[in-house]
Amino acid sequence: MTTLGLFGRINPEELILLLLIILLLFGSKRIPDLARSLGRSIGEFKKGRAEGEQEAREAAAKKEDAGKKDKTK
């Protein structure tokens, strides 16, 4: 079974119903475009998160180096 945060457990029948509703709302031609856009968005988010983590590590290293220099004086 699939678990989603606020909704609890979703059984297969509910998942099929949800997919059918999405198909009716967006149509079969738009769903691949939506999935592609979602995939790109997730990729950009992961890339941005990785860059942010790298910047945080570099800032922490600079701060640590500055602290070591102050102690040696």
PDB file of N, CA and C in Angstrom:
ATOM      1  N   MET A   1       0.829  -1.188   0.000  1.00  0.00           N
ATOM      2  CA  MET A   1       0.000   0.000   0.000  1.00  0.00           C
ATOM      3  C   MET A   1       0.871   1.248   0.000  1.00  0.00           C
ATOM      4  N   THR A   2       0.362   2.277  -0.567  1.00  0.00           N
ATOM      5  CA  THR A   2       1.070   3.548  -0.652  1.00  0.00           C
ATOM      6  C   THR A   2       0.656   4.432   0.516  1.00  0.00           C
ATOM      7  N   THR A   3       1.616   5.134   1.106  1.00  0.00           N
ATOM      8  CA  THR A   3       1.310   6.024   2.212  1.00  0.00           C
ATOM      9  C   THR A   3       1.607   7.453   1.783  1.00  0.00           C
ATOM     10  N   LEU A   4       0.639   8.331   1.982  1.00  0.00           N
ATOM     11  CA  LEU A   4       0.834   9.755   1.744  1.00  0.00           C
ATOM     12  C   LEU A   4       0.573  10.475   3.055  1.00  0.00           C
ATOM     13  N   GLY A   5       1.397  11.458   3.371  1.00  0.00           N
ATOM     14  CA  GLY A   5       1.366  12.161   4.644  1.00  0.00           C
ATOM     15  C   GLY A   5       0.002  12.443   5.240  1.00  0.00           C
ATOM     16  N   LEU A   6      -0.770  13.319   4.649  1.00  0.00           N
ATOM     17  CA  LEU A   6      -2.033  13.737   5.238  1.00  0.00           C
ATOM     18  C   LEU A   6      -3.164  12.750   5.001  1.00  0.00           C
ATOM     19  N   PHE A   7      -3.076  11.952   3.977  1.00  0.00           N
ATOM     20  CA  PHE A   7      -4.186  11.117   3.575  1.00  0.00           C
ATOM     21  C   PHE A   7      -4.161   9.724   4.191  1.00  0.00           C
ATOM     22  N   GLY A   8      -3.098   9.364   4.837  1.00  0.00           N
ATOM     23  CA  GLY A   8      -3.011   8.018   5.393  1.00  0.00           C
ATOM     24  C   GLY A   8      -2.696   7.023   4.289  1.00  0.00           C
ATOM     25  N   ARG A   9      -3.266   5.859   4.388  1.00  0.00           N
ATOM     26  CA  ARG A   9      -3.006   4.819   3.384  1.00  0.00           C
ATOM     27  C   ARG A   9      -4.009   4.905   2.240  1.00  0.00           C
ATOM     28  N   ILE A  10      -3.502   4.715   1.027  1.00  0.00           N
ATOM     29  CA  ILE A  10      -4.344   4.720  -0.160  1.00  0.00           C
ATOM     30  C   ILE A  10      -4.328   3.308  -0.731  1.00  0.00           C
ATOM     31  N   ASN A  11      -5.488   2.707  -0.843  1.00  0.00           N
ATOM     32  CA  ASN A  11      -5.535   1.359  -1.405  1.00  0.00           C
ATOM     33  C   ASN A  11      -5.573   1.442  -2.931  1.00  0.00           C
ATOM     34  N   PRO A  12      -5.368   0.331  -3.623  1.00  0.00           N
ATOM     35  CA  PRO A  12      -5.281   0.355  -5.094  1.00  0.00           C
ATOM     36  C   PRO A  12      -6.528   0.914  -5.786  1.00  0.00           C
ATOM     37  N   GLU A  13      -7.706   0.649  -5.239  1.00  0.00           N
ATOM     38  CA  GLU A  13      -8.925   1.165  -5.857  1.00  0.00           C
ATOM     39  C   GLU A  13      -8.958   2.690  -5.824  1.00  0.00           C
ATOM     40  N   GLU A  14      -8.550   3.276  -4.727  1.00  0.00           N
ATOM     41  CA  GLU A  14      -8.516   4.735  -4.612  1.00  0.00           C
ATOM     42  C   GLU A  14      -7.471   5.325  -5.549  1.00  0.00           C
ATOM     43  N   LEU A  15      -6.355   4.647  -5.695  1.00  0.00           N
ATOM     44  CA  LEU A  15      -5.307   5.120  -6.590  1.00  0.00           C
ATOM     45  C   LEU A  15      -5.793   5.110  -8.043  1.00  0.00           C
ATOM     46  N   ILE A  16      -6.476   4.062  -8.441  1.00  0.00           N
ATOM     47  CA  ILE A  16      -7.025   3.982  -9.799  1.00  0.00           C
ATOM     48  C   ILE A  16      -8.047   5.087 -10.016  1.00  0.00           C
ATOM     49  N   LEU A  17      -8.908   5.308  -9.037  1.00  0.00           N
ATOM     50  CA  LEU A  17      -9.904   6.370  -9.137  1.00  0.00           C
ATOM     51  C   LEU A  17      -9.235   7.737  -9.271  1.00  0.00           C
ATOM     52  N   LEU A  18      -8.201   7.967  -8.500  1.00  0.00           N
ATOM     53  CA  LEU A  18      -7.462   9.224  -8.571  1.00  0.00           C
ATOM     54  C   LEU A  18      -6.841   9.418  -9.954  1.00  0.00           C
ATOM     55  N   LEU A  19      -6.242   8.371 -10.493  1.00  0.00           N
ATOM     56  CA  LEU A  19      -5.640   8.461 -11.832  1.00  0.00           C
ATOM     57  C   LEU A  19      -6.692   8.711 -12.908  1.00  0.00           C
ATOM     58  N   LEU A  20      -7.859   8.114 -12.767  1.00  0.00           N
ATOM     59  CA  LEU A  20      -8.942   8.361 -13.729  1.00  0.00           C
ATOM     60  C   LEU A  20      -9.420   9.806 -13.671  1.00  0.00           C
ATOM     61  N   ILE A  21      -9.518  10.354 -12.481  1.00  0.00           N
ATOM     62  CA  ILE A  21      -9.930  11.753 -12.333  1.00  0.00           C
ATOM     63  C   ILE A  21      -8.903  12.677 -12.978  1.00  0.00           C
ATOM     64  N   ILE A  22      -7.628  12.385 -12.762  1.00  0.00           N
ATOM     65  CA  ILE A  22      -6.571  13.191 -13.378  1.00  0.00           C
ATOM     66  C   ILE A  22      -6.651  13.093 -14.898  1.00  0.00           C
ATOM     67  N   LEU A  23      -6.908  11.890 -15.409  1.00  0.00           N
ATOM     68  CA  LEU A  23      -7.043  11.701 -16.852  1.00  0.00           C
ATOM     69  C   LEU A  23      -8.212  12.513 -17.406  1.00  0.00           C
ATOM     70  N   LEU A  24      -9.322  12.522 -16.691  1.00  0.00           N
ATOM     71  CA  LEU A  24     -10.484  13.297 -17.145  1.00  0.00           C
ATOM     72  C   LEU A  24     -10.223  14.792 -17.097  1.00  0.00           C
ATOM     73  N   LEU A  25      -9.534  15.253 -16.066  1.00  0.00           N
ATOM     74  CA  LEU A  25      -9.279  16.686 -15.924  1.00  0.00           C
ATOM     75  C   LEU A  25      -8.302  17.222 -16.973  1.00  0.00           C
ATOM     76  N   PHE A  26      -7.244  16.485 -17.228  1.00  0.00           N
ATOM     77  CA  PHE A  26      -6.175  17.005 -18.079  1.00  0.00           C
ATOM     78  C   PHE A  26      -6.167  16.428 -19.486  1.00  0.00           C
ATOM     79  N   GLY A  27      -6.793  15.309 -19.707  1.00  0.00           N
ATOM     80  CA  GLY A  27      -6.776  14.685 -21.025  1.00  0.00           C
ATOM     81  C   GLY A  27      -5.518  13.884 -21.254  1.00  0.00           C
ATOM     82  N   SER A  28      -5.604  12.931 -22.157  1.00  0.00           N
ATOM     83  CA  SER A  28      -4.477  12.015 -22.373  1.00  0.00           C
ATOM     84  C   SER A  28      -3.293  12.690 -23.060  1.00  0.00           C
ATOM     85  N   LYS A  29      -3.512  13.777 -23.764  1.00  0.00           N
ATOM     86  CA  LYS A  29      -2.408  14.443 -24.457  1.00  0.00           C
ATOM     87  C   LYS A  29      -1.574  15.321 -23.528  1.00  0.00           C
ATOM     88  N   ARG A  30      -2.184  15.852 -22.473  1.00  0.00           N
ATOM     89  CA  ARG A  30      -1.466  16.764 -21.581  1.00  0.00           C
ATOM     90  C   ARG A  30      -0.712  16.040 -20.472  1.00  0.00           C
ATOM     91  N   ILE A  31      -1.111  14.820 -20.146  1.00  0.00           N
ATOM     92  CA  ILE A  31      -0.487  14.111 -19.023  1.00  0.00           C
ATOM     93  C   ILE A  31       1.009  13.882 -19.245  1.00  0.00           C
ATOM     94  N   PRO A  32       1.466  13.431 -20.428  1.00  0.00           N
ATOM     95  CA  PRO A  32       2.919  13.290 -20.621  1.00  0.00           C
ATOM     96  C   PRO A  32       3.670  14.617 -20.471  1.00  0.00           C
ATOM     97  N   ASP A  33       3.065  15.704 -20.952  1.00  0.00           N
ATOM     98  CA  ASP A  33       3.693  17.021 -20.799  1.00  0.00           C
ATOM     99  C   ASP A  33       3.783  17.405 -19.326  1.00  0.00           C
ATOM    100  N   LEU A  34       2.718  17.135 -18.583  1.00  0.00           N
ATOM    101  CA  LEU A  34       2.730  17.441 -17.153  1.00  0.00           C
ATOM    102  C   LEU A  34       3.776  16.607 -16.420  1.00  0.00           C
ATOM    103  N   ALA A  35       3.867  15.327 -16.767  1.00  0.00           N
ATOM    104  CA  ALA A  35       4.853  14.454 -16.129  1.00  0.00           C
ATOM    105  C   ALA A  35       6.275  14.913 -16.454  1.00  0.00           C
ATOM    106  N   ARG A  36       6.497  15.304 -17.702  1.00  0.00           N
ATOM    107  CA  ARG A  36       7.814  15.787 -18.112  1.00  0.00           C
ATOM    108  C   ARG A  36       8.182  17.061 -17.352  1.00  0.00           C
ATOM    109  N   SER A  37       7.228  17.971 -17.237  1.00  0.00           N
ATOM    110  CA  SER A  37       7.464  19.219 -16.506  1.00  0.00           C
ATOM    111  C   SER A  37       7.734  18.945 -15.033  1.00  0.00           C
ATOM    112  N   LEU A  38       6.989  18.013 -14.466  1.00  0.00           N
ATOM    113  CA  LEU A  38       7.199  17.654 -13.069  1.00  0.00           C
ATOM    114  C   LEU A  38       8.590  17.060 -12.869  1.00  0.00           C
ATOM    115  N   GLY A  39       9.004  16.200 -13.789  1.00  0.00           N
ATOM    116  CA  GLY A  39      10.343  15.607 -13.704  1.00  0.00           C
ATOM    117  C   GLY A  39      11.437  16.657 -13.789  1.00  0.00           C
ATOM    118  N   ARG A  40      11.277  17.607 -14.687  1.00  0.00           N
ATOM    119  CA  ARG A  40      12.262  18.685 -14.798  1.00  0.00           C
ATOM    120  C   ARG A  40      12.296  19.537 -13.537  1.00  0.00           C
ATOM    121  N   SER A  41      11.127  19.813 -12.997  1.00  0.00           N
ATOM    122  CA  SER A  41      11.051  20.615 -11.775  1.00  0.00           C
ATOM    123  C   SER A  41      11.737  19.917 -10.614  1.00  0.00           C
ATOM    124  N   ILE A  42      11.514  18.627 -10.493  1.00  0.00           N
ATOM    125  CA  ILE A  42      12.163  17.863  -9.429  1.00  0.00           C
ATOM    126  C   ILE A  42      13.672  17.872  -9.619  1.00  0.00           C
ATOM    127  N   GLY A  43      14.121  17.732 -10.864  1.00  0.00           N
ATOM    128  CA  GLY A  43      15.555  17.780 -11.154  1.00  0.00           C
ATOM    129  C   GLY A  43      16.167  19.121 -10.786  1.00  0.00           C
ATOM    130  N   GLU A  44      15.495  20.206 -11.123  1.00  0.00           N
ATOM    131  CA  GLU A  44      15.981  21.542 -10.773  1.00  0.00           C
ATOM    132  C   GLU A  44      16.002  21.740  -9.266  1.00  0.00           C
ATOM    133  N   PHE A  45      14.984  21.223  -8.584  1.00  0.00           N
ATOM    134  CA  PHE A  45      14.938  21.340  -7.130  1.00  0.00           C
ATOM    135  C   PHE A  45      16.118  20.611  -6.497  1.00  0.00           C
ATOM    136  N   LYS A  46      16.383  19.391  -6.956  1.00  0.00           N
ATOM    137  CA  LYS A  46      17.501  18.616  -6.410  1.00  0.00           C
ATOM    138  C   LYS A  46      18.834  19.313  -6.698  1.00  0.00           C
ATOM    139  N   LYS A  47      18.963  19.867  -7.893  1.00  0.00           N
ATOM    140  CA  LYS A  47      20.187  20.580  -8.259  1.00  0.00           C
ATOM    141  C   LYS A  47      20.383  21.798  -7.359  1.00  0.00           C
ATOM    142  N   GLY A  48      19.324  22.561  -7.150  1.00  0.00           N
ATOM    143  CA  GLY A  48      19.397  23.736  -6.279  1.00  0.00           C
ATOM    144  C   GLY A  48      19.704  23.366  -4.843  1.00  0.00           C
ATOM    145  N   ARG A  49      19.102  22.279  -4.370  1.00  0.00           N
ATOM    146  CA  ARG A  49      19.365  21.830  -3.003  1.00  0.00           C
ATOM    147  C   ARG A  49      20.825  21.414  -2.849  1.00  0.00           C
ATOM    148  N   ALA A  50      21.356  20.701  -3.841  1.00  0.00           N
ATOM    149  CA  ALA A  50      22.758  20.275  -3.784  1.00  0.00           C
ATOM    150  C   ALA A  50      23.690  21.481  -3.786  1.00  0.00           C
ATOM    151  N   GLU A  51      23.383  22.480  -4.615  1.00  0.00           N
ATOM    152  CA  GLU A  51      24.207  23.689  -4.649  1.00  0.00           C
ATOM    153  C   GLU A  51      24.142  24.429  -3.313  1.00  0.00           C
ATOM    154  N   GLY A  52      22.966  24.495  -2.717  1.00  0.00           N
ATOM    155  CA  GLY A  52      22.817  25.155  -1.422  1.00  0.00           C
ATOM    156  C   GLY A  52      23.595  24.440  -0.336  1.00  0.00           C
ATOM    157  N   GLU A  53      23.540  23.110  -0.352  1.00  0.00           N
ATOM    158  CA  GLU A  53      24.301  22.333   0.631  1.00  0.00           C
ATOM    159  C   GLU A  53      25.800  22.540   0.447  1.00  0.00           C
ATOM    160  N   GLN A  54      26.256  22.599  -0.806  1.00  0.00           N
ATOM    161  CA  GLN A  54      27.676  22.832  -1.085  1.00  0.00           C
ATOM    162  C   GLN A  54      28.106  24.210  -0.580  1.00  0.00           C
ATOM    163  N   GLU A  55      27.280  25.217  -0.821  1.00  0.00           N
ATOM    164  CA  GLU A  55      27.600  26.561  -0.341  1.00  0.00           C
ATOM    165  C   GLU A  55      27.643  26.593   1.189  1.00  0.00           C
ATOM    166  N   ALA A  56      26.747  25.883   1.836  1.00  0.00           N
ATOM    167  CA  ALA A  56      26.735  25.842   3.301  1.00  0.00           C
ATOM    168  C   ALA A  56      27.997  25.167   3.828  1.00  0.00           C
ATOM    169  N   ARG A  57      28.421  24.077   3.169  1.00  0.00           N
ATOM    170  CA  ARG A  57      29.656  23.406   3.597  1.00  0.00           C
ATOM    171  C   ARG A  57      30.868  24.320   3.418  1.00  0.00           C
ATOM    172  N   GLU A  58      30.912  25.040   2.286  1.00  0.00           N
ATOM    173  CA  GLU A  58      32.030  25.953   2.039  1.00  0.00           C
ATOM    174  C   GLU A  58      32.047  27.084   3.054  1.00  0.00           C
ATOM    175  N   ALA A  59      30.867  27.619   3.394  1.00  0.00           N
ATOM    176  CA  ALA A  59      30.793  28.699   4.383  1.00  0.00           C
ATOM    177  C   ALA A  59      31.234  28.193   5.747  1.00  0.00           C
ATOM    178  N   ALA A  60      30.838  26.976   6.103  1.00  0.00           N
ATOM    179  CA  ALA A  60      31.238  26.407   7.389  1.00  0.00           C
ATOM    180  C   ALA A  60      32.747  26.177   7.433  1.00  0.00           C
ATOM    181  N   ALA A  61      33.314  25.737   6.313  1.00  0.00           N
ATOM    182  CA  ALA A  61      34.764  25.518   6.257  1.00  0.00           C
ATOM    183  C   ALA A  61      35.514  26.833   6.390  1.00  0.00           C
ATOM    184  N   LYS A  62      35.027  27.897   5.741  1.00  0.00           N
ATOM    185  CA  LYS A  62      35.669  29.208   5.859  1.00  0.00           C
ATOM    186  C   LYS A  62      35.596  29.710   7.293  1.00  0.00           C
ATOM    187  N   LYS A  63      34.445  29.517   7.924  1.00  0.00           N
ATOM    188  CA  LYS A  63      34.278  29.962   9.304  1.00  0.00           C
ATOM    189  C   LYS A  63      35.213  29.184  10.225  1.00  0.00           C
ATOM    190  N   GLU A  64      35.347  27.892   9.981  1.00  0.00           N
ATOM    191  CA  GLU A  64      36.233  27.066  10.791  1.00  0.00           C
ATOM    192  C   GLU A  64      37.686  27.488  10.605  1.00  0.00           C
ATOM    193  N   ASP A  65      38.074  27.772   9.353  1.00  0.00           N
ATOM    194  CA  ASP A  65      39.442  28.221   9.077  1.00  0.00           C
ATOM    195  C   ASP A  65      39.718  29.564   9.748  1.00  0.00           C
ATOM    196  N   ALA A  66      38.736  30.464   9.714  1.00  0.00           N
ATOM    197  CA  ALA A  66      38.903  31.773  10.351  1.00  0.00           C
ATOM    198  C   ALA A  66      39.041  31.606  11.860  1.00  0.00           C
ATOM    199  N   GLY A  67      38.304  30.677  12.442  1.00  0.00           N
ATOM    200  CA  GLY A  67      38.404  30.424  13.879  1.00  0.00           C
ATOM    201  C   GLY A  67      39.781  29.872  14.256  1.00  0.00           C
ATOM    202  N   LYS A  68      40.334  29.031  13.414  1.00  0.00           N
ATOM    203  CA  LYS A  68      41.668  28.469  13.683  1.00  0.00           C
ATOM    204  C   LYS A  68      42.732  29.549  13.588  1.00  0.00           C
ATOM    205  N   LYS A  69      42.602  30.484  12.648  1.00  0.00           N
ATOM    206  CA  LYS A  69      43.573  31.558  12.497  1.00  0.00           C
ATOM    207  C   LYS A  69      43.546  32.479  13.702  1.00  0.00           C
ATOM    208  N   ASP A  70      42.374  32.769  14.249  1.00  0.00           N
ATOM    209  CA  ASP A  70      42.253  33.620  15.411  1.00  0.00           C
ATOM    210  C   ASP A  70      42.912  32.986  16.639  1.00  0.00           C
ATOM    211  N   LYS A  71      42.812  31.682  16.770  1.00  0.00           N
ATOM    212  CA  LYS A  71      43.380  30.979  17.928  1.00  0.00           C
ATOM    213  C   LYS A  71      44.898  30.940  17.883  1.00  0.00           C
ATOM    214  N   THR A  72      45.471  30.960  16.682  1.00  0.00           N
ATOM    215  CA  THR A  72      46.936  30.891  16.574  1.00  0.00           C
ATOM    216  C   THR A  72      47.619  32.218  16.833  1.00  0.00           C
ATOM    217  N   LYS A  73      46.872  33.297  16.866  1.00  0.00           N
ATOM    218  CA  LYS A  73      47.477  34.629  17.092  1.00  0.00           C
ATOM    219  C   LYS A  73      47.760  34.861  18.529  1.00  0.00           C
TER     220      LYS A  73
END
